[in-house]
Amino acid sequence: GWARKDTRTAFLSSFVAGFFMTCTVAPFDRIRTKLMSQPTNSQMYKGMTDCLVKTVQAEGPLSLWRGFVPIWARFAPMASLQLLTIEFLYDKLGFKSI
């Protein structure tokens, strides 16, 4: 296997972390997008819970993860850069690695 300090280990770990972060964030992002894009002259949803219920009823529960790949494409590189940067800084500043 790869060593703990190997860059590949940090990259793969952060890539997987980005995937699971997307799994948890995507439904909230979808509901937020629907709430923000509703017409201003007519209120389609009374709030977040109402939007969630109506979305699941009309489109099914998997619709909450619509747009998963673009969100993951945004989160995975960000998580990778953050983890690689913090590991680099810890190493250069003499701190113990995460």
N, C-alpha and C. Protein backbone atom coordinates (compact mmCIF):
# COMPACT_ATOMS: atom_id res chain seq x y z
N GLY A 1 0.80 -1.18 0.00
CA GLY A 1 0.00 0.00 0.00
C GLY A 1 0.86 1.26 0.00
N TRP A 2 0.18 2.36 -0.04
CA TRP A 2 0.85 3.64 -0.03
C TRP A 2 1.17 4.06 1.40
N ALA A 3 2.27 4.77 1.55
CA ALA A 3 2.66 5.27 2.87
C ALA A 3 1.71 6.39 3.30
N ARG A 4 1.63 6.60 4.59
CA ARG A 4 0.75 7.61 5.16
C ARG A 4 1.07 9.02 4.62
N LYS A 5 2.32 9.31 4.44
CA LYS A 5 2.75 10.64 3.99
C LYS A 5 2.78 10.78 2.46
N ASP A 6 2.46 9.72 1.75
CA ASP A 6 2.49 9.75 0.28
C ASP A 6 1.44 10.74 -0.23
N THR A 7 1.80 11.53 -1.22
CA THR A 7 0.88 12.50 -1.81
C THR A 7 -0.33 11.80 -2.42
N ARG A 8 -0.12 10.62 -2.97
CA ARG A 8 -1.25 9.88 -3.56
C ARG A 8 -2.28 9.52 -2.50
N THR A 9 -1.82 9.19 -1.30
CA THR A 9 -2.74 8.86 -0.21
C THR A 9 -3.59 10.07 0.16
N ALA A 10 -2.94 11.22 0.31
CA ALA A 10 -3.67 12.44 0.65
C ALA A 10 -4.64 12.82 -0.46
N PHE A 11 -4.21 12.70 -1.71
CA PHE A 11 -5.08 13.05 -2.84
C PHE A 11 -6.30 12.14 -2.90
N LEU A 12 -6.08 10.83 -2.81
CA LEU A 12 -7.20 9.89 -2.88
C LEU A 12 -8.14 10.07 -1.69
N SER A 13 -7.58 10.29 -0.51
CA SER A 13 -8.41 10.51 0.68
C SER A 13 -9.29 11.73 0.53
N SER A 14 -8.71 12.80 0.03
CA SER A 14 -9.48 14.02 -0.13
C SER A 14 -10.50 13.89 -1.25
N PHE A 15 -10.19 13.14 -2.28
CA PHE A 15 -11.12 12.91 -3.38
C PHE A 15 -12.35 12.14 -2.87
N VAL A 16 -12.11 11.12 -2.04
CA VAL A 16 -13.20 10.35 -1.46
C VAL A 16 -13.99 11.22 -0.47
N ALA A 17 -13.29 12.06 0.30
CA ALA A 17 -13.97 12.97 1.22
C ALA A 17 -14.87 13.93 0.45
N GLY A 18 -14.41 14.41 -0.70
CA GLY A 18 -15.23 15.27 -1.54
C GLY A 18 -16.49 14.56 -2.02
N PHE A 19 -16.36 13.26 -2.32
CA PHE A 19 -17.52 12.47 -2.74
C PHE A 19 -18.57 12.40 -1.63
N PHE A 20 -18.13 12.07 -0.42
CA PHE A 20 -19.08 11.95 0.69
C PHE A 20 -19.62 13.31 1.13
N MET A 21 -18.82 14.35 0.98
CA MET A 21 -19.31 15.69 1.26
C MET A 21 -20.42 16.04 0.28
N THR A 22 -20.25 15.66 -0.98
CA THR A 22 -21.28 15.91 -1.98
C THR A 22 -22.54 15.13 -1.67
N CYS A 23 -22.38 13.90 -1.20
CA CYS A 23 -23.55 13.08 -0.85
C CYS A 23 -24.42 13.76 0.20
N THR A 24 -23.78 14.43 1.15
CA THR A 24 -24.54 15.06 2.23
C THR A 24 -25.02 16.47 1.87
N VAL A 25 -24.30 17.18 1.03
CA VAL A 25 -24.63 18.57 0.71
C VAL A 25 -25.62 18.68 -0.45
N ALA A 26 -25.58 17.76 -1.39
CA ALA A 26 -26.37 17.87 -2.62
C ALA A 26 -27.87 18.07 -2.37
N PRO A 27 -28.51 17.33 -1.46
CA PRO A 27 -29.96 17.56 -1.25
C PRO A 27 -30.26 18.99 -0.77
N PHE A 28 -29.44 19.51 0.12
CA PHE A 28 -29.66 20.87 0.61
C PHE A 28 -29.42 21.90 -0.50
N ASP A 29 -28.43 21.64 -1.32
CA ASP A 29 -28.14 22.53 -2.44
C ASP A 29 -29.29 22.53 -3.44
N ARG A 30 -29.85 21.38 -3.68
CA ARG A 30 -30.98 21.26 -4.62
C ARG A 30 -32.20 22.02 -4.11
N ILE A 31 -32.51 21.86 -2.82
CA ILE A 31 -33.66 22.55 -2.23
C ILE A 31 -33.42 24.06 -2.23
N ARG A 32 -32.22 24.47 -1.88
CA ARG A 32 -31.88 25.90 -1.87
C ARG A 32 -32.03 26.50 -3.27
N THR A 33 -31.57 25.77 -4.28
CA THR A 33 -31.67 26.24 -5.65
C THR A 33 -33.13 26.39 -6.07
N LYS A 34 -33.95 25.42 -5.71
CA LYS A 34 -35.38 25.49 -6.06
C LYS A 34 -36.06 26.65 -5.35
N LEU A 35 -35.71 26.88 -4.10
CA LEU A 35 -36.30 28.00 -3.36
C LEU A 35 -35.88 29.34 -3.96
N MET A 36 -34.63 29.45 -4.33
CA MET A 36 -34.13 30.72 -4.86
C MET A 36 -34.60 31.00 -6.28
N SER A 37 -34.96 29.96 -7.03
CA SER A 37 -35.36 30.17 -8.42
C SER A 37 -36.87 30.22 -8.60
N GLN A 38 -37.63 30.19 -7.51
CA GLN A 38 -39.08 30.30 -7.67
C GLN A 38 -39.44 31.75 -8.06
N PRO A 39 -40.52 31.91 -8.81
CA PRO A 39 -40.90 33.26 -9.24
C PRO A 39 -41.17 34.18 -8.05
N THR A 40 -40.84 35.44 -8.21
CA THR A 40 -41.05 36.39 -7.12
C THR A 40 -42.50 36.80 -6.96
N ASN A 41 -43.29 36.69 -8.04
CA ASN A 41 -44.69 37.11 -7.96
C ASN A 41 -45.62 36.02 -7.42
N SER A 42 -45.15 34.77 -7.35
CA SER A 42 -45.96 33.69 -6.78
C SER A 42 -45.06 32.77 -5.97
N GLN A 43 -45.52 32.45 -4.78
CA GLN A 43 -44.72 31.61 -3.89
C GLN A 43 -45.13 30.15 -4.07
N MET A 44 -44.20 29.35 -4.61
CA MET A 44 -44.49 27.93 -4.85
C MET A 44 -44.28 27.11 -3.58
N TYR A 45 -43.35 27.54 -2.74
CA TYR A 45 -43.00 26.81 -1.52
C TYR A 45 -43.07 27.74 -0.32
N LYS A 46 -43.53 27.20 0.80
CA LYS A 46 -43.63 27.99 2.02
C LYS A 46 -42.32 28.04 2.79
N GLY A 47 -41.44 27.11 2.49
CA GLY A 47 -40.16 27.07 3.19
C GLY A 47 -39.38 25.84 2.75
N MET A 48 -38.30 25.59 3.47
CA MET A 48 -37.41 24.49 3.10
C MET A 48 -38.09 23.13 3.21
N THR A 49 -38.82 22.91 4.28
CA THR A 49 -39.48 21.62 4.49
C THR A 49 -40.56 21.40 3.43
N ASP A 50 -41.35 22.43 3.16
CA ASP A 50 -42.39 22.33 2.14
C ASP A 50 -41.79 22.01 0.78
N CYS A 51 -40.69 22.68 0.45
CA CYS A 51 -40.00 22.44 -0.82
C CYS A 51 -39.48 21.00 -0.88
N LEU A 52 -38.90 20.53 0.20
CA LEU A 52 -38.38 19.16 0.27
C LEU A 52 -39.50 18.15 0.03
N VAL A 53 -40.61 18.31 0.75
CA VAL A 53 -41.73 17.37 0.62
C VAL A 53 -42.30 17.38 -0.79
N LYS A 54 -42.53 18.57 -1.34
CA LYS A 54 -43.11 18.66 -2.69
C LYS A 54 -42.15 18.11 -3.75
N THR A 55 -40.86 18.34 -3.57
CA THR A 55 -39.89 17.83 -4.53
C THR A 55 -39.85 16.31 -4.52
N VAL A 56 -39.81 15.72 -3.33
CA VAL A 56 -39.77 14.25 -3.22
C VAL A 56 -41.07 13.64 -3.76
N GLN A 57 -42.20 14.26 -3.47
CA GLN A 57 -43.47 13.74 -3.97
C GLN A 57 -43.56 13.83 -5.50
N ALA A 58 -43.11 14.93 -6.06
CA ALA A 58 -43.25 15.14 -7.50
C ALA A 58 -42.17 14.44 -8.32
N GLU A 59 -40.94 14.42 -7.81
CA GLU A 59 -39.82 13.94 -8.63
C GLU A 59 -39.13 12.70 -8.07
N GLY A 60 -39.49 12.29 -6.86
CA GLY A 60 -38.87 11.13 -6.24
C GLY A 60 -37.66 11.53 -5.40
N PRO A 61 -37.27 10.66 -4.47
CA PRO A 61 -36.17 11.00 -3.55
C PRO A 61 -34.81 11.15 -4.24
N LEU A 62 -34.58 10.42 -5.31
CA LEU A 62 -33.28 10.53 -5.99
C LEU A 62 -33.08 11.87 -6.68
N SER A 63 -34.18 12.61 -6.88
CA SER A 63 -34.05 13.92 -7.51
C SER A 63 -33.30 14.91 -6.62
N LEU A 64 -33.20 14.61 -5.34
CA LEU A 64 -32.45 15.48 -4.43
C LEU A 64 -30.97 15.50 -4.76
N TRP A 65 -30.50 14.48 -5.45
CA TRP A 65 -29.08 14.41 -5.82
C TRP A 65 -28.87 14.78 -7.30
N ARG A 66 -29.86 15.41 -7.92
CA ARG A 66 -29.70 15.87 -9.30
C ARG A 66 -28.60 16.93 -9.31
N GLY A 67 -27.71 16.85 -10.26
CA GLY A 67 -26.58 17.77 -10.31
C GLY A 67 -25.41 17.31 -9.45
N PHE A 68 -25.40 16.02 -9.10
CA PHE A 68 -24.36 15.47 -8.22
C PHE A 68 -22.96 15.63 -8.81
N VAL A 69 -22.81 15.30 -10.08
CA VAL A 69 -21.48 15.32 -10.70
C VAL A 69 -20.89 16.73 -10.73
N PRO A 70 -21.65 17.77 -11.12
CA PRO A 70 -21.04 19.11 -11.07
C PRO A 70 -20.68 19.55 -9.65
N ILE A 71 -21.49 19.18 -8.69
CA ILE A 71 -21.17 19.55 -7.30
C ILE A 71 -19.90 18.82 -6.86
N TRP A 72 -19.82 17.54 -7.19
CA TRP A 72 -18.63 16.78 -6.83
C TRP A 72 -17.40 17.32 -7.55
N ALA A 73 -17.58 17.72 -8.80
CA ALA A 73 -16.47 18.29 -9.56
C ALA A 73 -15.98 19.59 -8.93
N ARG A 74 -16.85 20.25 -8.18
CA ARG A 74 -16.45 21.46 -7.47
C ARG A 74 -15.81 21.12 -6.12
N PHE A 75 -16.36 20.16 -5.40
CA PHE A 75 -15.88 19.83 -4.06
C PHE A 75 -14.60 19.00 -4.05
N ALA A 76 -14.47 18.03 -4.94
CA ALA A 76 -13.32 17.13 -4.91
C ALA A 76 -11.99 17.87 -5.09
N PRO A 77 -11.86 18.74 -6.09
CA PRO A 77 -10.58 19.47 -6.21
C PRO A 77 -10.33 20.40 -5.02
N MET A 78 -11.41 21.02 -4.51
CA MET A 78 -11.26 21.91 -3.37
C MET A 78 -10.76 21.15 -2.15
N ALA A 79 -11.36 19.99 -1.87
CA ALA A 79 -10.93 19.18 -0.73
C ALA A 79 -9.50 18.69 -0.93
N SER A 80 -9.16 18.32 -2.16
CA SER A 80 -7.80 17.86 -2.44
C SER A 80 -6.78 18.96 -2.20
N LEU A 81 -7.05 20.14 -2.73
CA LEU A 81 -6.13 21.26 -2.53
C LEU A 81 -6.00 21.64 -1.06
N GLN A 82 -7.10 21.62 -0.34
CA GLN A 82 -7.05 21.96 1.08
C GLN A 82 -6.20 20.97 1.85
N LEU A 83 -6.43 19.68 1.64
CA LEU A 83 -5.68 18.68 2.40
C LEU A 83 -4.21 18.67 2.00
N LEU A 84 -3.91 18.75 0.73
CA LEU A 84 -2.52 18.78 0.29
C LEU A 84 -1.81 20.03 0.81
N THR A 85 -2.51 21.16 0.81
CA THR A 85 -1.91 22.40 1.31
C THR A 85 -1.64 22.32 2.80
N ILE A 86 -2.60 21.83 3.57
CA ILE A 86 -2.40 21.76 5.03
C ILE A 86 -1.29 20.77 5.36
N GLU A 87 -1.21 19.66 4.65
CA GLU A 87 -0.13 18.70 4.88
C GLU A 87 1.23 19.32 4.55
N PHE A 88 1.30 20.07 3.46
CA PHE A 88 2.54 20.73 3.07
C PHE A 88 2.95 21.77 4.12
N LEU A 89 1.99 22.59 4.55
CA LEU A 89 2.30 23.61 5.54
C LEU A 89 2.72 22.99 6.88
N TYR A 90 2.02 21.95 7.30
CA TYR A 90 2.39 21.29 8.55
C TYR A 90 3.82 20.76 8.47
N ASP A 91 4.16 20.16 7.32
CA ASP A 91 5.50 19.61 7.15
C ASP A 91 6.57 20.73 7.18
N LYS A 92 6.30 21.82 6.48
CA LYS A 92 7.27 22.91 6.40
C LYS A 92 7.41 23.68 7.72
N LEU A 93 6.33 23.76 8.49
CA LEU A 93 6.36 24.50 9.75
C LEU A 93 6.73 23.63 10.94
N GLY A 94 6.94 22.33 10.69
CA GLY A 94 7.40 21.44 11.74
C GLY A 94 6.31 20.89 12.65
N PHE A 95 5.04 21.03 12.24
CA PHE A 95 3.96 20.49 13.04
C PHE A 95 3.75 19.03 12.72
N LYS A 96 3.10 18.31 13.64
CA LYS A 96 2.78 16.91 13.40
C LYS A 96 1.63 16.85 12.38
N SER A 97 1.71 15.91 11.46
CA SER A 97 0.72 15.74 10.41
C SER A 97 -0.63 15.38 11.00
N ILE A 98 -1.67 15.66 10.22
CA ILE A 98 -3.05 15.34 10.66
C ILE A 98 -3.21 13.85 10.81
